[in-house]
C-alpha atoms as a PDB file:
ATOM      1  CA  UNK A   1     105.353 109.450 104.763  1.00  0.00           C
ATOM      2  CA  UNK A   2     106.580 109.459 108.298  1.00  0.00           C
ATOM      3  CA  UNK A   3     107.955 106.439 110.056  1.00  0.00           C
ATOM      4  CA  UNK A   4     105.548 104.643 112.399  1.00  0.00           C
ATOM      5  CA  UNK A   5     106.817 102.375 115.175  1.00  0.00           C
ATOM      6  CA  UNK A   6     105.007  99.715 117.211  1.00  0.00           C
ATOM      7  CA  UNK A   7     106.432  97.980 120.325  1.00  0.00           C
ATOM      8  CA  UNK A   8     106.235  94.199 120.816  1.00  0.00           C
ATOM      9  CA  UNK A   9     107.569  91.991 123.598  1.00  0.00           C
ATOM     10  CA  UNK A  10     108.665  88.422 122.828  1.00  0.00           C
ATOM     11  CA  UNK A  11     106.666  85.836 124.786  1.00  0.00           C
ATOM     12  CA  UNK A  12     107.327  82.116 125.213  1.00  0.00           C
ATOM     13  CA  UNK A  13     104.611  81.330 122.641  1.00  0.00           C
ATOM     14  CA  UNK A  14     106.659  83.258 120.027  1.00  0.00           C
ATOM     15  CA  UNK A  15     109.771  81.112 120.443  1.00  0.00           C
ATOM     16  CA  UNK A  16     111.094  77.693 119.604  1.00  0.00           C
ATOM     17  CA  UNK A  17     112.549  75.273 122.165  1.00  0.00           C
ATOM     18  CA  UNK A  18     115.760  77.334 122.284  1.00  0.00           C
ATOM     19  CA  UNK A  19     114.012  80.576 123.208  1.00  0.00           C
ATOM     20  CA  UNK A  20     114.539  82.104 119.739  1.00  0.00           C
ATOM     21  CA  UNK A  21     111.647  83.745 117.879  1.00  0.00           C
ATOM     22  CA  UNK A  22     110.218  81.396 115.254  1.00  0.00           C
ATOM     23  CA  UNK A  23     110.767  83.032 111.858  1.00  0.00           C
ATOM     24  CA  UNK A  24     107.104  83.353 110.828  1.00  0.00           C
ATOM     25  CA  UNK A  25     106.342  85.403 113.950  1.00  0.00           C
ATOM     26  CA  UNK A  26     108.312  88.326 112.512  1.00  0.00           C
ATOM     27  CA  UNK A  27     105.666  88.459 109.760  1.00  0.00           C
ATOM     28  CA  UNK A  28     102.923  88.452 112.409  1.00  0.00           C
ATOM     29  CA  UNK A  29     104.623  91.334 114.229  1.00  0.00           C
ATOM     30  CA  UNK A  30     104.793  93.270 110.952  1.00  0.00           C
ATOM     31  CA  UNK A  31     101.116  92.610 110.246  1.00  0.00           C
ATOM     32  CA  UNK A  32     100.200  93.950 113.687  1.00  0.00           C
ATOM     33  CA  UNK A  33     102.308  97.050 113.102  1.00  0.00           C
ATOM     34  CA  UNK A  34     100.601  97.720 109.747  1.00  0.00           C
ATOM     35  CA  UNK A  35      97.193  97.303 111.419  1.00  0.00           C
ATOM     36  CA  UNK A  36      98.216  99.799 114.113  1.00  0.00           C
ATOM     37  CA  UNK A  37      99.534 102.147 111.405  1.00  0.00           C
ATOM     38  CA  UNK A  38      96.003 102.092 109.940  1.00  0.00           C
ATOM     39  CA  UNK A  39      94.404 102.532 113.368  1.00  0.00           C
ATOM     40  CA  UNK A  40      96.542 105.626 114.028  1.00  0.00           C
ATOM     41  CA  UNK A  41      94.949 107.036 110.870  1.00  0.00           C
ATOM     42  CA  UNK A  42      91.429 106.292 112.157  1.00  0.00           C
ATOM     43  CA  UNK A  43      91.010 103.217 109.959  1.00  0.00           C
ATOM     44  CA  UNK A  44      90.643  99.628 111.084  1.00  0.00           C
ATOM     45  CA  UNK A  45      90.708  96.284 109.324  1.00  0.00           C
ATOM     46  CA  UNK A  46      87.096  95.759 110.484  1.00  0.00           C
ATOM     47  CA  UNK A  47      86.096  99.149 109.091  1.00  0.00           C
ATOM     48  CA  UNK A  48      87.604  98.213 105.733  1.00  0.00           C
ATOM     49  CA  UNK A  49      85.798  94.829 105.828  1.00  0.00           C
ATOM     50  CA  UNK A  50      82.569  96.721 106.492  1.00  0.00           C
ATOM     51  CA  UNK A  51      83.232  98.722 103.299  1.00  0.00           C
ATOM     52  CA  UNK A  52      83.700  95.472 101.361  1.00  0.00           C
ATOM     53  CA  UNK A  53      87.469  95.885 101.130  1.00  0.00           C
ATOM     54  CA  UNK A  54      90.368  93.730 102.216  1.00  0.00           C
ATOM     55  CA  UNK A  55      94.068  94.486 102.275  1.00  0.00           C
ATOM     56  CA  UNK A  56      96.089  91.472 101.162  1.00  0.00           C
ATOM     57  CA  UNK A  57      99.807  90.809 100.938  1.00  0.00           C
ATOM     58  CA  UNK A  58     100.679  90.690  97.257  1.00  0.00           C
ATOM     59  CA  UNK A  59     104.450  90.290  97.561  1.00  0.00           C
ATOM     60  CA  UNK A  60     106.905  89.965 100.422  1.00  0.00           C
ATOM     61  CA  UNK A  61     110.676  90.012 100.556  1.00  0.00           C
ATOM     62  CA  UNK A  62     112.221  89.366 103.950  1.00  0.00           C
ATOM     63  CA  UNK A  63     115.803  89.236 105.224  1.00  0.00           C
ATOM     64  CA  UNK A  64     116.597  87.821 108.645  1.00  0.00           C
ATOM     65  CA  UNK A  65     119.694  89.394 110.191  1.00  0.00           C
ATOM     66  CA  UNK A  66     119.901  88.094 113.772  1.00  0.00           C
ATOM     67  CA  UNK A  67     117.497  86.353 116.136  1.00  0.00           C
ATOM     68  CA  UNK A  68     115.163  87.880 118.697  1.00  0.00           C
ATOM     69  CA  UNK A  69     114.933  86.026 121.999  1.00  0.00           C
ATOM     70  CA  UNK A  70     112.484  85.415 124.795  1.00  0.00           C
ATOM     71  CA  UNK A  71     111.589  88.624 126.704  1.00  0.00           C
ATOM     72  CA  UNK A  72     113.228  90.943 124.153  1.00  0.00           C
ATOM     73  CA  UNK A  73     111.508  94.278 123.637  1.00  0.00           C
ATOM     74  CA  UNK A  74     111.163  94.836 119.892  1.00  0.00           C
ATOM     75  CA  UNK A  75     110.247  97.847 117.783  1.00  0.00           C
ATOM     76  CA  UNK A  76     108.472  97.177 114.507  1.00  0.00           C
ATOM     77  CA  UNK A  77     108.687 100.072 112.043  1.00  0.00           C
ATOM     78  CA  UNK A  78     106.320 100.803 109.175  1.00  0.00           C
ATOM     79  CA  UNK A  79     107.159 103.183 106.358  1.00  0.00           C
ATOM     80  CA  UNK A  80     105.252 103.686 103.117  1.00  0.00           C
ATOM     81  CA  UNK A  81     107.790 103.854 100.304  1.00  0.00           C
ATOM     82  CA  UNK A  82     105.447 103.867  97.290  1.00  0.00           C
ATOM     83  CA  UNK A  83     101.751 103.767  96.475  1.00  0.00           C
ATOM     84  CA  UNK A  84      99.437 103.606  93.502  1.00  0.00           C
ATOM     85  CA  UNK A  85      95.654 103.490  93.031  1.00  0.00           C
ATOM     86  CA  UNK A  86      95.308 100.065  94.690  1.00  0.00           C
ATOM     87  CA  UNK A  87      98.765  99.103  96.005  1.00  0.00           C
ATOM     88  CA  UNK A  88     100.965 100.136  98.923  1.00  0.00           C
ATOM     89  CA  UNK A  89     104.634  99.275  99.295  1.00  0.00           C
ATOM     90  CA  UNK A  90     105.993  99.272 102.820  1.00  0.00           C
ATOM     91  CA  UNK A  91     109.475  98.930 104.224  1.00  0.00           C
ATOM     92  CA  UNK A  92     109.400  97.322 107.653  1.00  0.00           C
ATOM     93  CA  UNK A  93     112.141  96.652 110.154  1.00  0.00           C
ATOM     94  CA  UNK A  94     112.250  94.750 113.420  1.00  0.00           C
ATOM     95  CA  UNK A  95     114.834  96.002 115.904  1.00  0.00           C
ATOM     96  CA  UNK A  96     115.885  95.220 119.459  1.00  0.00           C
ATOM     97  CA  UNK A  97     117.873  97.795 121.431  1.00  0.00           C
ATOM     98  CA  UNK A  98     118.365  99.693 118.171  1.00  0.00           C
ATOM     99  CA  UNK A  99     119.938  96.711 116.402  1.00  0.00           C
ATOM    100  CA  UNK A 100     118.244  95.465 113.195  1.00  0.00           C
ATOM    101  CA  UNK A 101     116.933  91.906 113.392  1.00  0.00           C
ATOM    102  CA  UNK A 102     114.761  91.630 110.297  1.00  0.00           C
ATOM    103  CA  UNK A 103     114.043  93.777 107.213  1.00  0.00           C
ATOM    104  CA  UNK A 104     111.117  93.344 104.842  1.00  0.00           C
ATOM    105  CA  UNK A 105     109.567  94.939 101.811  1.00  0.00           C
ATOM    106  CA  UNK A 106     105.835  94.259 101.745  1.00  0.00           C
ATOM    107  CA  UNK A 107     103.426  95.045  98.913  1.00  0.00           C
ATOM    108  CA  UNK A 108      99.769  95.277  99.924  1.00  0.00           C
ATOM    109  CA  UNK A 109      96.882  95.235  97.440  1.00  0.00           C
ATOM    110  CA  UNK A 110      93.416  96.661  98.042  1.00  0.00           C
ATOM    111  CA  UNK A 111      90.809  94.140  96.845  1.00  0.00           C
ATOM    112  CA  UNK A 112      87.023  93.903  96.826  1.00  0.00           C
ATOM    113  CA  UNK A 113      85.985  91.324  99.445  1.00  0.00           C
ATOM    114  CA  UNK A 114      83.801  88.955  97.429  1.00  0.00           C
ATOM    115  CA  UNK A 115      85.522  88.866  94.032  1.00  0.00           C
ATOM    116  CA  UNK A 116      89.026  89.538  95.412  1.00  0.00           C
ATOM    117  CA  UNK A 117      89.688  91.837  92.448  1.00  0.00           C
ATOM    118  CA  UNK A 118      91.833  94.963  92.830  1.00  0.00           C
ATOM    119  CA  UNK A 119      89.930  98.159  93.619  1.00  0.00           C
ATOM    120  CA  UNK A 120      90.975 101.726  94.326  1.00  0.00           C
ATOM    121  CA  UNK A 121      91.694 102.804  97.887  1.00  0.00           C
ATOM    122  CA  UNK A 122      88.675 104.098  99.778  1.00  0.00           C
ATOM    123  CA  UNK A 123      88.605 107.887  99.774  1.00  0.00           C
ATOM    124  CA  UNK A 124      89.685 108.125 103.426  1.00  0.00           C
ATOM    125  CA  UNK A 125      92.860 106.116 102.827  1.00  0.00           C
ATOM    126  CA  UNK A 126      93.521 107.759  99.446  1.00  0.00           C
ATOM    127  CA  UNK A 127      93.451 111.162 101.188  1.00  0.00           C
ATOM    128  CA  UNK A 128      95.971 109.952 103.777  1.00  0.00           C
ATOM    129  CA  UNK A 129      98.290 108.659 101.059  1.00  0.00           C
ATOM    130  CA  UNK A 130      98.174 111.996  99.223  1.00  0.00           C
ATOM    131  CA  UNK A 131      99.475 113.836 102.322  1.00  0.00           C
END
């Protein structure tokens, strides 16, 4: 699959007292980028909820390389590296001025909303993954 990129600017609310991005905010940036990756494919989190489906993080491995700072312009990349009937594995990277700041491997599971049991991708997303 092709690489998708989403821009983010660092605001004061994203930083600690020293003006450095608080570590958990990288995960929020990555979540936003995955949501926008879906949106670019004419799917939304709300649309999936309406179908009785949720996408949940099953596993996450993250490596912090260097800090982002107040007012930095970041690029958050999303790349599907593997998929199965109900799981997606993404590689994501946060960069500033082309320099890597954070790398993550994120596994997402597709689950039914009420029982939270794994289910197959909806046909629209399955078709996208087959491309």
